Amino acid sequence: MAGAQDDFLAGSVVKSEKWEIDRAGQMEIFQGSVSFRNASYELKADRAVYYKTKEMWEAEGSVYCLRKFEDGTSVASYCDKSTYYSGMEKAEMQAVKNPVKSVYTLKDSRKITTYAKKLHADNSAKAVFFESDFKVVTDSATVYGDRAVFYSGTADFIITGGPPQAYGEDNNYKLFMEAEKIKLNRDTAVIEAEKNVRGYILNRVMEK
């Protein structure tokens, strides 16, 4: 069965195998292959509940959310459970069995992948907050830390806690870095470390 929900996102239609309206609880419950799509977002889940008075959505079970941006980039997130508030201005994603995974696709088709136990996105602040067991993976480096913040205005991941560590490798070099704070730029893949920095860079040619 499929239904339309005007309060979700303008121009979108929610589809599911089962649709239940709880007027007393001010809820709408969608179960089985739940999905919606519009120009900016695509969401899929096993189950979703809309709370009308809170203007809040909860989705669970193989949750997939794709957000497209005007500059041609996008981010696809995968999690076990998620909550979306008031027109998707804020979102929370949680791990139950599997870590929250987000895949950033850049203009040149490069991909950067993040993992964490919890993610909180605040569109008004243009920031994404990652909590616990954070990891970001690029084509040539991986950075680990307890937590991180991504600022869309500068395209920087700021990784702290642990302390954070960075590992990198390409045809010419091998890199290890540890510091109190590590910054990774999403677009340039440049890594910077601050405070109590230690590490090494090995020339792979000289190793032979």
N, C-alpha and C. Protein backbone atom coordinates (compact mmCIF):
# COMPACT_ATOMS: atom_id res chain seq x y z
N MET A 1 0.86 -1.19 0.00
CA MET A 1 0.00 0.00 0.00
C MET A 1 0.89 1.24 0.00
N ALA A 2 0.51 2.32 -0.62
CA ALA A 2 1.31 3.54 -0.68
C ALA A 2 0.47 4.71 -0.23
N GLY A 3 1.16 5.70 0.39
CA GLY A 3 0.45 6.88 0.83
C GLY A 3 1.29 8.11 0.64
N ALA A 4 0.66 9.29 0.57
CA ALA A 4 1.37 10.56 0.43
C ALA A 4 1.33 11.29 1.75
N GLN A 5 2.47 11.89 2.14
CA GLN A 5 2.55 12.60 3.40
C GLN A 5 3.08 14.00 3.12
N ASP A 6 2.18 15.00 3.16
CA ASP A 6 2.56 16.37 2.82
C ASP A 6 3.59 16.94 3.79
N ASP A 7 3.60 16.46 5.05
CA ASP A 7 4.50 17.04 6.04
C ASP A 7 5.90 16.46 5.98
N PHE A 8 6.15 15.49 5.15
CA PHE A 8 7.50 14.92 5.08
C PHE A 8 8.41 15.90 4.35
N LEU A 9 8.55 15.80 3.09
CA LEU A 9 9.33 16.76 2.31
C LEU A 9 8.50 17.16 1.10
N ALA A 10 8.51 18.43 0.81
CA ALA A 10 7.70 18.94 -0.29
C ALA A 10 8.04 18.22 -1.58
N GLY A 11 7.02 17.75 -2.27
CA GLY A 11 7.22 17.09 -3.55
C GLY A 11 7.53 15.62 -3.45
N SER A 12 7.50 15.05 -2.24
CA SER A 12 7.83 13.63 -2.09
C SER A 12 6.58 12.82 -1.79
N VAL A 13 6.63 11.55 -2.10
CA VAL A 13 5.55 10.62 -1.82
C VAL A 13 6.14 9.43 -1.09
N VAL A 14 5.59 9.11 0.08
CA VAL A 14 6.06 7.97 0.86
C VAL A 14 5.36 6.72 0.37
N LYS A 15 6.14 5.66 0.13
CA LYS A 15 5.59 4.39 -0.33
C LYS A 15 5.96 3.29 0.66
N SER A 16 5.07 2.32 0.82
CA SER A 16 5.34 1.20 1.72
C SER A 16 4.36 0.07 1.42
N GLU A 17 4.64 -1.09 2.00
CA GLU A 17 3.74 -2.23 1.83
C GLU A 17 2.52 -2.11 2.75
N LYS A 18 2.71 -1.43 3.87
CA LYS A 18 1.61 -1.26 4.82
C LYS A 18 1.64 0.16 5.37
N TRP A 19 0.46 0.78 5.49
CA TRP A 19 0.37 2.16 5.98
C TRP A 19 -0.75 2.21 7.01
N GLU A 20 -0.42 2.63 8.23
CA GLU A 20 -1.38 2.68 9.32
C GLU A 20 -1.44 4.09 9.90
N ILE A 21 -2.64 4.61 10.12
CA ILE A 21 -2.82 5.93 10.70
C ILE A 21 -3.36 5.78 12.12
N ASP A 22 -2.61 6.30 13.10
CA ASP A 22 -3.02 6.28 14.50
C ASP A 22 -3.43 7.71 14.87
N ARG A 23 -4.72 8.02 14.75
CA ARG A 23 -5.18 9.39 14.98
C ARG A 23 -5.05 9.78 16.45
N ALA A 24 -5.25 8.86 17.36
CA ALA A 24 -5.15 9.17 18.79
C ALA A 24 -3.71 9.52 19.16
N GLY A 25 -2.78 8.77 18.60
CA GLY A 25 -1.38 9.01 18.91
C GLY A 25 -0.72 10.00 17.96
N GLN A 26 -1.51 10.52 17.00
CA GLN A 26 -0.97 11.47 16.02
C GLN A 26 0.26 10.89 15.30
N MET A 27 0.12 9.63 14.86
CA MET A 27 1.23 8.95 14.21
C MET A 27 0.78 8.33 12.90
N GLU A 28 1.71 8.20 11.98
CA GLU A 28 1.51 7.41 10.78
C GLU A 28 2.65 6.40 10.71
N ILE A 29 2.29 5.13 10.52
CA ILE A 29 3.27 4.05 10.57
C ILE A 29 3.35 3.38 9.20
N PHE A 30 4.56 3.35 8.66
CA PHE A 30 4.80 2.73 7.36
C PHE A 30 5.69 1.51 7.59
N GLN A 31 5.31 0.36 7.02
CA GLN A 31 6.07 -0.87 7.22
C GLN A 31 6.28 -1.59 5.90
N GLY A 32 7.47 -2.15 5.73
CA GLY A 32 7.78 -2.95 4.55
C GLY A 32 8.19 -2.15 3.35
N SER A 33 9.46 -2.18 3.00
CA SER A 33 9.99 -1.50 1.81
C SER A 33 9.57 -0.02 1.76
N VAL A 34 9.79 0.67 2.86
CA VAL A 34 9.44 2.09 2.93
C VAL A 34 10.43 2.89 2.08
N SER A 35 9.92 3.85 1.31
CA SER A 35 10.81 4.66 0.49
C SER A 35 10.16 5.99 0.14
N PHE A 36 11.00 6.99 -0.09
CA PHE A 36 10.52 8.22 -0.69
C PHE A 36 11.68 8.84 -1.45
N ARG A 37 11.34 9.72 -2.37
CA ARG A 37 12.37 10.38 -3.17
C ARG A 37 11.84 11.72 -3.63
N ASN A 38 12.72 12.73 -3.60
CA ASN A 38 12.42 14.01 -4.25
C ASN A 38 13.72 14.53 -4.85
N ALA A 39 13.78 15.82 -5.19
CA ALA A 39 14.95 16.35 -5.90
C ALA A 39 16.22 16.32 -5.06
N SER A 40 16.07 16.38 -3.73
CA SER A 40 17.25 16.48 -2.86
C SER A 40 17.53 15.23 -2.04
N TYR A 41 16.49 14.46 -1.72
CA TYR A 41 16.64 13.33 -0.81
C TYR A 41 16.06 12.04 -1.37
N GLU A 42 16.64 10.95 -0.89
CA GLU A 42 16.06 9.63 -1.12
C GLU A 42 16.23 8.84 0.18
N LEU A 43 15.18 8.21 0.63
CA LEU A 43 15.23 7.45 1.88
C LEU A 43 14.60 6.08 1.69
N LYS A 44 15.25 5.05 2.27
CA LYS A 44 14.70 3.71 2.26
C LYS A 44 14.88 3.11 3.66
N ALA A 45 13.91 2.31 4.08
CA ALA A 45 13.99 1.67 5.39
C ALA A 45 12.99 0.52 5.45
N ASP A 46 13.13 -0.33 6.45
CA ASP A 46 12.18 -1.42 6.64
C ASP A 46 10.90 -0.92 7.31
N ARG A 47 11.06 0.13 8.15
CA ARG A 47 9.92 0.65 8.90
C ARG A 47 10.15 2.13 9.19
N ALA A 48 9.09 2.92 9.17
CA ALA A 48 9.20 4.35 9.48
C ALA A 48 7.94 4.81 10.19
N VAL A 49 8.11 5.72 11.14
CA VAL A 49 6.98 6.29 11.88
C VAL A 49 7.09 7.80 11.83
N TYR A 50 5.97 8.45 11.50
CA TYR A 50 5.92 9.90 11.49
C TYR A 50 5.09 10.37 12.67
N TYR A 51 5.68 11.24 13.53
CA TYR A 51 5.00 11.82 14.68
C TYR A 51 4.59 13.24 14.31
N LYS A 52 3.31 13.45 14.08
CA LYS A 52 2.83 14.71 13.53
C LYS A 52 3.08 15.89 14.46
N THR A 53 2.79 15.74 15.75
CA THR A 53 2.94 16.85 16.68
C THR A 53 4.40 17.25 16.86
N LYS A 54 5.31 16.30 16.75
CA LYS A 54 6.74 16.58 16.90
C LYS A 54 7.40 16.93 15.58
N GLU A 55 6.68 16.72 14.48
CA GLU A 55 7.26 16.88 13.14
C GLU A 55 8.56 16.09 13.04
N MET A 56 8.46 14.83 13.42
CA MET A 56 9.65 13.98 13.52
C MET A 56 9.39 12.62 12.87
N TRP A 57 10.39 12.13 12.18
CA TRP A 57 10.34 10.81 11.58
C TRP A 57 11.37 9.89 12.24
N GLU A 58 10.98 8.65 12.48
CA GLU A 58 11.92 7.62 12.92
C GLU A 58 11.93 6.51 11.88
N ALA A 59 13.11 6.10 11.46
CA ALA A 59 13.25 5.00 10.50
C ALA A 59 14.17 3.96 11.08
N GLU A 60 13.90 2.70 10.79
CA GLU A 60 14.76 1.65 11.32
C GLU A 60 14.79 0.46 10.37
N GLY A 61 15.87 -0.31 10.48
CA GLY A 61 16.02 -1.50 9.66
C GLY A 61 16.58 -1.20 8.30
N SER A 62 17.87 -1.41 8.11
CA SER A 62 18.54 -1.20 6.81
C SER A 62 18.22 0.18 6.24
N VAL A 63 18.45 1.21 7.06
CA VAL A 63 18.14 2.58 6.65
C VAL A 63 19.19 3.08 5.66
N TYR A 64 18.70 3.67 4.57
CA TYR A 64 19.56 4.28 3.55
C TYR A 64 19.03 5.67 3.28
N CYS A 65 19.91 6.66 3.35
CA CYS A 65 19.51 8.03 3.08
C CYS A 65 20.53 8.68 2.15
N LEU A 66 20.07 9.19 1.02
CA LEU A 66 20.92 9.87 0.06
C LEU A 66 20.52 11.34 0.00
N ARG A 67 21.52 12.22 0.19
CA ARG A 67 21.27 13.65 0.03
C ARG A 67 22.12 14.19 -1.10
N LYS A 68 21.46 14.90 -2.02
CA LYS A 68 22.15 15.49 -3.16
C LYS A 68 22.28 17.00 -2.94
N PHE A 69 23.43 17.56 -3.33
CA PHE A 69 23.67 18.99 -3.17
C PHE A 69 23.72 19.69 -4.52
N GLU A 70 23.49 21.00 -4.49
CA GLU A 70 23.43 21.77 -5.73
C GLU A 70 24.75 21.80 -6.48
N ASP A 71 25.88 21.60 -5.76
CA ASP A 71 27.19 21.64 -6.43
C ASP A 71 27.56 20.32 -7.11
N GLY A 72 26.64 19.35 -7.09
CA GLY A 72 26.90 18.09 -7.75
C GLY A 72 27.46 17.00 -6.86
N THR A 73 27.76 17.32 -5.61
CA THR A 73 28.23 16.32 -4.67
C THR A 73 27.04 15.66 -3.98
N SER A 74 27.30 14.58 -3.26
CA SER A 74 26.24 13.88 -2.54
C SER A 74 26.82 13.11 -1.38
N VAL A 75 25.97 12.72 -0.45
CA VAL A 75 26.38 11.85 0.66
C VAL A 75 25.29 10.81 0.87
N ALA A 76 25.69 9.55 0.90
CA ALA A 76 24.78 8.43 1.13
C ALA A 76 25.11 7.82 2.48
N SER A 77 24.13 7.68 3.35
CA SER A 77 24.35 7.14 4.69
C SER A 77 23.58 5.85 4.89
N TYR A 78 24.19 4.94 5.64
CA TYR A 78 23.61 3.63 5.94
C TYR A 78 23.67 3.43 7.45
N CYS A 79 22.55 3.03 8.05
CA CYS A 79 22.55 2.81 9.49
C CYS A 79 21.41 1.87 9.88
N ASP A 80 21.37 1.52 11.17
CA ASP A 80 20.32 0.63 11.67
C ASP A 80 19.08 1.40 12.11
N LYS A 81 19.29 2.65 12.59
CA LYS A 81 18.18 3.43 13.11
C LYS A 81 18.47 4.91 12.92
N SER A 82 17.46 5.69 12.55
CA SER A 82 17.68 7.12 12.34
C SER A 82 16.43 7.92 12.71
N THR A 83 16.66 9.20 13.01
CA THR A 83 15.59 10.13 13.35
C THR A 83 15.79 11.40 12.55
N TYR A 84 14.71 11.93 11.97
CA TYR A 84 14.78 13.15 11.16
C TYR A 84 13.78 14.15 11.71
N TYR A 85 14.24 15.39 11.86
CA TYR A 85 13.42 16.42 12.47
C TYR A 85 13.05 17.51 11.48
N SER A 86 11.83 18.01 11.58
CA SER A 86 11.34 19.22 10.94
C SER A 86 11.97 19.53 9.59
N GLY A 87 11.50 18.83 8.56
CA GLY A 87 11.97 19.09 7.21
C GLY A 87 13.40 18.70 6.96
N MET A 88 13.91 17.75 7.73
CA MET A 88 15.27 17.23 7.57
C MET A 88 16.34 18.25 7.96
N GLU A 89 15.99 19.28 8.73
CA GLU A 89 17.00 20.25 9.16
C GLU A 89 18.00 19.60 10.13
N LYS A 90 17.52 18.60 10.87
CA LYS A 90 18.40 17.86 11.76
C LYS A 90 18.14 16.37 11.61
N ALA A 91 19.20 15.59 11.76
CA ALA A 91 19.06 14.13 11.65
C ALA A 91 20.03 13.45 12.59
N GLU A 92 19.61 12.32 13.14
CA GLU A 92 20.48 11.50 13.99
C GLU A 92 20.46 10.07 13.45
N MET A 93 21.63 9.47 13.39
CA MET A 93 21.75 8.09 12.92
C MET A 93 22.52 7.30 13.96
N GLN A 94 22.05 6.07 14.23
CA GLN A 94 22.66 5.27 15.28
C GLN A 94 23.01 3.88 14.79
N ALA A 95 24.06 3.33 15.39
CA ALA A 95 24.45 1.95 15.12
C ALA A 95 23.79 1.04 16.14
N VAL A 96 23.28 -0.08 15.67
CA VAL A 96 22.78 -1.14 16.55
C VAL A 96 23.66 -2.37 16.38
N LYS A 97 23.72 -2.87 15.16
CA LYS A 97 24.61 -3.98 14.83
C LYS A 97 25.83 -3.51 14.03
N ASN A 98 25.59 -2.61 13.11
CA ASN A 98 26.64 -2.14 12.21
C ASN A 98 26.90 -0.66 12.43
N PRO A 99 28.15 -0.20 12.24
CA PRO A 99 28.44 1.23 12.39
C PRO A 99 27.71 2.06 11.35
N VAL A 100 27.48 3.33 11.70
CA VAL A 100 26.89 4.26 10.74
C VAL A 100 27.93 4.54 9.66
N LYS A 101 27.56 4.33 8.42
CA LYS A 101 28.48 4.50 7.29
C LYS A 101 27.96 5.61 6.39
N SER A 102 28.85 6.55 6.03
CA SER A 102 28.48 7.62 5.10
C SER A 102 29.49 7.68 3.98
N VAL A 103 29.01 7.76 2.75
CA VAL A 103 29.87 7.80 1.57
C VAL A 103 29.67 9.14 0.87
N TYR A 104 30.72 9.96 0.88
CA TYR A 104 30.70 11.27 0.21
C TYR A 104 31.21 11.09 -1.21
N THR A 105 30.43 11.48 -2.20
CA THR A 105 30.85 11.44 -3.60
C THR A 105 31.14 12.87 -4.05
N LEU A 106 32.37 13.13 -4.49
CA LEU A 106 32.79 14.47 -4.83
C LEU A 106 32.55 14.76 -6.31
N LYS A 107 32.85 15.99 -6.72
CA LYS A 107 32.59 16.40 -8.11
C LYS A 107 33.39 15.58 -9.11
N ASP A 108 34.60 15.16 -8.73
CA ASP A 108 35.44 14.38 -9.64
C ASP A 108 35.23 12.88 -9.49
N SER A 109 34.13 12.49 -8.81
CA SER A 109 33.72 11.09 -8.61
C SER A 109 34.55 10.36 -7.55
N ARG A 110 35.52 11.04 -6.91
CA ARG A 110 36.22 10.42 -5.80
C ARG A 110 35.24 10.20 -4.65
N LYS A 111 35.53 9.21 -3.83
CA LYS A 111 34.66 8.91 -2.70
C LYS A 111 35.46 8.92 -1.39
N ILE A 112 34.84 9.46 -0.36
CA ILE A 112 35.39 9.44 0.99
C ILE A 112 34.35 8.79 1.89
N THR A 113 34.76 7.83 2.71
CA THR A 113 33.82 7.06 3.52
C THR A 113 34.11 7.27 5.01
N THR A 114 33.07 7.49 5.79
CA THR A 114 33.21 7.63 7.24
C THR A 114 32.43 6.53 7.96
N TYR A 115 32.90 6.21 9.16
CA TYR A 115 32.23 5.24 10.03
C TYR A 115 32.19 5.80 11.45
N ALA A 116 31.10 5.55 12.17
CA ALA A 116 30.99 5.98 13.56
C ALA A 116 29.82 5.22 14.19
N LYS A 117 29.73 5.27 15.52
CA LYS A 117 28.61 4.61 16.19
C LYS A 117 27.37 5.51 16.21
N LYS A 118 27.60 6.83 16.09
CA LYS A 118 26.47 7.76 16.10
C LYS A 118 26.83 8.98 15.26
N LEU A 119 25.83 9.51 14.57
CA LEU A 119 26.03 10.68 13.71
C LEU A 119 24.88 11.65 13.97
N HIS A 120 25.22 12.92 14.10
CA HIS A 120 24.21 13.96 14.25
C HIS A 120 24.48 15.04 13.22
N ALA A 121 23.55 15.27 12.31
CA ALA A 121 23.70 16.29 11.27
C ALA A 121 22.81 17.47 11.58
N ASP A 122 23.39 18.67 11.53
CA ASP A 122 22.65 19.90 11.77
C ASP A 122 22.82 20.78 10.54
N ASN A 123 21.81 20.78 9.67
CA ASN A 123 21.91 21.52 8.41
C ASN A 123 21.99 23.02 8.62
N SER A 124 21.34 23.55 9.65
CA SER A 124 21.39 24.98 9.91
C SER A 124 22.79 25.42 10.32
N ALA A 125 23.51 24.56 11.01
CA ALA A 125 24.89 24.85 11.43
C ALA A 125 25.91 24.41 10.38
N LYS A 126 25.44 23.74 9.34
CA LYS A 126 26.30 23.21 8.28
C LYS A 126 27.42 22.35 8.87
N ALA A 127 27.01 21.46 9.79
CA ALA A 127 27.99 20.61 10.47
C ALA A 127 27.41 19.22 10.71
N VAL A 128 28.31 18.24 10.73
CA VAL A 128 27.96 16.86 11.06
C VAL A 128 28.87 16.41 12.20
N PHE A 129 28.27 15.88 13.27
CA PHE A 129 29.02 15.46 14.44
C PHE A 129 29.03 13.92 14.52
N PHE A 130 30.22 13.35 14.65
CA PHE A 130 30.39 11.90 14.72
C PHE A 130 30.84 11.53 16.12
N GLU A 131 30.24 10.49 16.69
CA GLU A 131 30.58 10.07 18.05
C GLU A 131 31.01 8.61 18.09
N SER A 132 32.14 8.37 18.76
CA SER A 132 32.60 7.03 19.12
C SER A 132 33.07 6.20 17.92
N ASP A 133 34.33 5.76 18.00
CA ASP A 133 34.94 4.89 16.99
C ASP A 133 34.85 5.47 15.59
N PHE A 134 35.24 6.73 15.47
CA PHE A 134 35.19 7.39 14.17
C PHE A 134 36.35 6.92 13.28
N LYS A 135 36.06 6.81 11.99
CA LYS A 135 37.07 6.50 10.98
C LYS A 135 36.68 7.15 9.68
N VAL A 136 37.65 7.79 9.00
CA VAL A 136 37.42 8.36 7.68
C VAL A 136 38.46 7.78 6.74
N VAL A 137 38.00 7.33 5.57
CA VAL A 137 38.86 6.62 4.62
C VAL A 137 38.85 7.36 3.29
N THR A 138 40.04 7.70 2.78
CA THR A 138 40.19 8.30 1.46
C THR A 138 40.94 7.31 0.57
N ASP A 139 41.25 7.73 -0.66
CA ASP A 139 42.00 6.86 -1.57
C ASP A 139 43.39 6.53 -1.05
N SER A 140 43.98 7.44 -0.27
CA SER A 140 45.37 7.25 0.13
C SER A 140 45.63 7.30 1.63
N ALA A 141 44.59 7.54 2.43
CA ALA A 141 44.82 7.66 3.88
C ALA A 141 43.59 7.25 4.67
N THR A 142 43.82 6.88 5.93
CA THR A 142 42.75 6.57 6.87
C THR A 142 43.07 7.26 8.19
N VAL A 143 42.07 7.93 8.77
CA VAL A 143 42.25 8.62 10.04
C VAL A 143 41.26 8.06 11.05
N TYR A 144 41.77 7.76 12.26
CA TYR A 144 40.95 7.21 13.34
C TYR A 144 40.89 8.21 14.49
N GLY A 145 39.78 8.21 15.23
CA GLY A 145 39.65 9.03 16.43
C GLY A 145 38.39 8.67 17.18
N ASP A 146 38.27 9.19 18.41
CA ASP A 146 37.05 8.92 19.19
C ASP A 146 35.85 9.68 18.65
N ARG A 147 36.09 10.86 18.09
CA ARG A 147 34.99 11.70 17.61
C ARG A 147 35.49 12.64 16.52
N ALA A 148 34.54 13.26 15.83
CA ALA A 148 34.92 14.17 14.75
C ALA A 148 33.76 15.10 14.43
N VAL A 149 34.09 16.22 13.77
CA VAL A 149 33.09 17.16 13.27
C VAL A 149 33.44 17.46 11.82
N PHE A 150 32.45 17.45 10.95
CA PHE A 150 32.64 17.85 9.56
C PHE A 150 31.93 19.17 9.33
N TYR A 151 32.68 20.17 8.82
CA TYR A 151 32.11 21.49 8.52
C TYR A 151 31.99 21.62 7.00
N SER A 152 30.78 21.71 6.51
CA SER A 152 30.58 21.75 5.06
C SER A 152 31.10 23.04 4.44
N GLY A 153 31.15 24.14 5.22
CA GLY A 153 31.63 25.40 4.69
C GLY A 153 33.09 25.36 4.28
N THR A 154 33.91 24.62 5.04
CA THR A 154 35.34 24.50 4.73
C THR A 154 35.70 23.12 4.19
N ALA A 155 34.75 22.17 4.25
CA ALA A 155 34.97 20.78 3.82
C ALA A 155 36.03 20.09 4.66
N ASP A 156 36.13 20.48 5.95
CA ASP A 156 37.13 19.89 6.84
C ASP A 156 36.51 18.91 7.82
N PHE A 157 37.16 17.76 8.00
CA PHE A 157 36.90 16.87 9.11
C PHE A 157 37.89 17.23 10.22
N ILE A 158 37.40 17.51 11.43
CA ILE A 158 38.26 17.77 12.58
C ILE A 158 38.14 16.56 13.50
N ILE A 159 39.22 15.79 13.63
CA ILE A 159 39.19 14.54 14.39
C ILE A 159 39.94 14.71 15.69
N THR A 160 39.33 14.30 16.81
CA THR A 160 39.94 14.43 18.13
C THR A 160 39.68 13.16 18.94
N GLY A 161 40.36 13.08 20.10
CA GLY A 161 40.13 11.98 21.02
C GLY A 161 40.88 10.73 20.64
N GLY A 162 41.46 10.08 21.62
CA GLY A 162 42.12 8.81 21.33
C GLY A 162 43.54 8.65 21.80
N PRO A 163 44.52 9.44 21.35
CA PRO A 163 44.44 10.55 20.39
C PRO A 163 44.24 10.05 18.96
N PRO A 164 43.82 10.94 18.05
CA PRO A 164 43.60 10.51 16.67
C PRO A 164 44.89 10.12 15.97
N GLN A 165 44.78 9.19 15.02
CA GLN A 165 45.94 8.71 14.26
C GLN A 165 45.60 8.67 12.78
N ALA A 166 46.59 8.97 11.96
CA ALA A 166 46.43 8.95 10.51
C ALA A 166 47.44 7.99 9.90
N TYR A 167 46.96 7.19 8.96
CA TYR A 167 47.82 6.26 8.22
C TYR A 167 47.62 6.53 6.73
N GLY A 168 48.71 6.62 6.01
CA GLY A 168 48.59 6.86 4.58
C GLY A 168 49.62 6.08 3.78
N GLU A 169 49.28 5.82 2.52
CA GLU A 169 50.20 5.06 1.68
C GLU A 169 49.86 5.32 0.21
N ASP A 170 50.90 5.55 -0.60
CA ASP A 170 50.74 5.62 -2.04
C ASP A 170 51.96 4.97 -2.67
N ASN A 171 52.18 5.21 -3.94
CA ASN A 171 53.31 4.55 -4.62
C ASN A 171 54.67 5.04 -4.13
N ASN A 172 54.70 6.22 -3.51
CA ASN A 172 55.98 6.80 -3.12
C ASN A 172 56.23 6.85 -1.62
N TYR A 173 55.15 6.96 -0.83
CA TYR A 173 55.35 7.18 0.59
C TYR A 173 54.44 6.31 1.46
N LYS A 174 54.89 6.12 2.73
CA LYS A 174 54.07 5.55 3.79
C LYS A 174 54.06 6.56 4.93
N LEU A 175 52.91 6.82 5.49
CA LEU A 175 52.76 7.88 6.48
C LEU A 175 52.10 7.35 7.75
N PHE A 176 52.61 7.81 8.92
CA PHE A 176 51.92 7.62 10.20
C PHE A 176 51.98 8.94 10.94
N MET A 177 50.85 9.33 11.55
CA MET A 177 50.79 10.61 12.25
C MET A 177 49.86 10.47 13.45
N GLU A 178 50.28 11.05 14.58
CA GLU A 178 49.44 11.07 15.78
C GLU A 178 49.53 12.45 16.40
N ALA A 179 48.41 12.99 16.89
CA ALA A 179 48.38 14.32 17.47
C ALA A 179 47.12 14.48 18.31
N GLU A 180 46.99 15.62 18.98
CA GLU A 180 45.78 15.89 19.74
C GLU A 180 44.61 16.21 18.83
N LYS A 181 44.92 16.77 17.66
CA LYS A 181 43.88 17.09 16.68
C LYS A 181 44.42 16.88 15.28
N ILE A 182 43.63 16.21 14.43
CA ILE A 182 44.00 16.01 13.03
C ILE A 182 42.88 16.55 12.15
N LYS A 183 43.27 17.31 11.15
CA LYS A 183 42.31 17.86 10.19
C LYS A 183 42.52 17.23 8.83
N LEU A 184 41.43 16.76 8.24
CA LEU A 184 41.45 16.19 6.89
C LEU A 184 40.47 16.96 6.02
N ASN A 185 40.96 17.53 4.93
CA ASN A 185 40.06 18.23 4.02
C ASN A 185 39.44 17.25 3.05
N ARG A 186 38.13 17.27 2.96
CA ARG A 186 37.41 16.33 2.11
C ARG A 186 37.77 16.49 0.64
N ASP A 187 37.91 17.73 0.18
CA ASP A 187 38.10 17.99 -1.24
C ASP A 187 39.54 17.81 -1.71
N THR A 188 40.50 18.20 -0.87
CA THR A 188 41.92 18.13 -1.26
C THR A 188 42.63 16.91 -0.71
N ALA A 189 42.04 16.27 0.32
CA ALA A 189 42.64 15.13 1.01
C ALA A 189 43.92 15.51 1.76
N VAL A 190 44.14 16.81 1.96
CA VAL A 190 45.29 17.28 2.73
C VAL A 190 45.05 17.01 4.22
N ILE A 191 46.10 16.46 4.90
CA ILE A 191 46.02 16.13 6.32
C ILE A 191 46.92 17.09 7.10
N GLU A 192 46.39 17.66 8.18
CA GLU A 192 47.16 18.53 9.06
C GLU A 192 47.01 18.03 10.49
N ALA A 193 48.09 18.14 11.28
CA ALA A 193 48.08 17.70 12.68
C ALA A 193 48.50 18.85 13.57
N GLU A 194 47.88 18.92 14.78
CA GLU A 194 48.19 19.99 15.72
C GLU A 194 48.37 19.43 17.13
N LYS A 195 49.35 19.96 17.87
CA LYS A 195 49.61 19.69 19.28
C LYS A 195 50.12 18.26 19.51
N ASN A 196 51.30 18.19 20.10
CA ASN A 196 51.94 16.92 20.44
C ASN A 196 51.98 15.96 19.25
N VAL A 197 52.46 16.49 18.14
CA VAL A 197 52.50 15.71 16.91
C VAL A 197 53.70 14.77 16.91
N ARG A 198 53.47 13.56 16.49
CA ARG A 198 54.57 12.62 16.27
C ARG A 198 54.21 11.73 15.09
N GLY A 199 55.23 11.12 14.47
CA GLY A 199 54.95 10.23 13.35
C GLY A 199 56.15 10.08 12.45
N TYR A 200 55.90 9.58 11.26
CA TYR A 200 56.98 9.38 10.30
C TYR A 200 56.43 9.35 8.88
N ILE A 201 57.31 9.64 7.94
CA ILE A 201 57.03 9.48 6.52
C ILE A 201 58.18 8.68 5.93
N LEU A 202 57.88 7.55 5.35
CA LEU A 202 58.89 6.68 4.76
C LEU A 202 58.84 6.76 3.24
N ASN A 203 59.98 6.94 2.65
CA ASN A 203 60.10 6.93 1.20
C ASN A 203 60.16 5.49 0.74
N ARG A 204 59.16 5.03 0.01
CA ARG A 204 59.10 3.62 -0.37
C ARG A 204 60.26 3.25 -1.32
N VAL A 205 60.75 4.23 -2.09
CA VAL A 205 61.87 3.94 -2.98
C VAL A 205 63.12 3.61 -2.18
N MET A 206 63.31 4.33 -1.09
CA MET A 206 64.50 4.11 -0.25
C MET A 206 64.41 2.82 0.53
N GLU A 207 63.17 2.28 0.73
CA GLU A 207 63.01 1.02 1.45
C GLU A 207 63.50 -0.16 0.63
N LYS A 208 63.52 -0.01 -0.70
CA LYS A 208 63.87 -1.13 -1.57
C LYS A 208 65.37 -1.34 -1.62
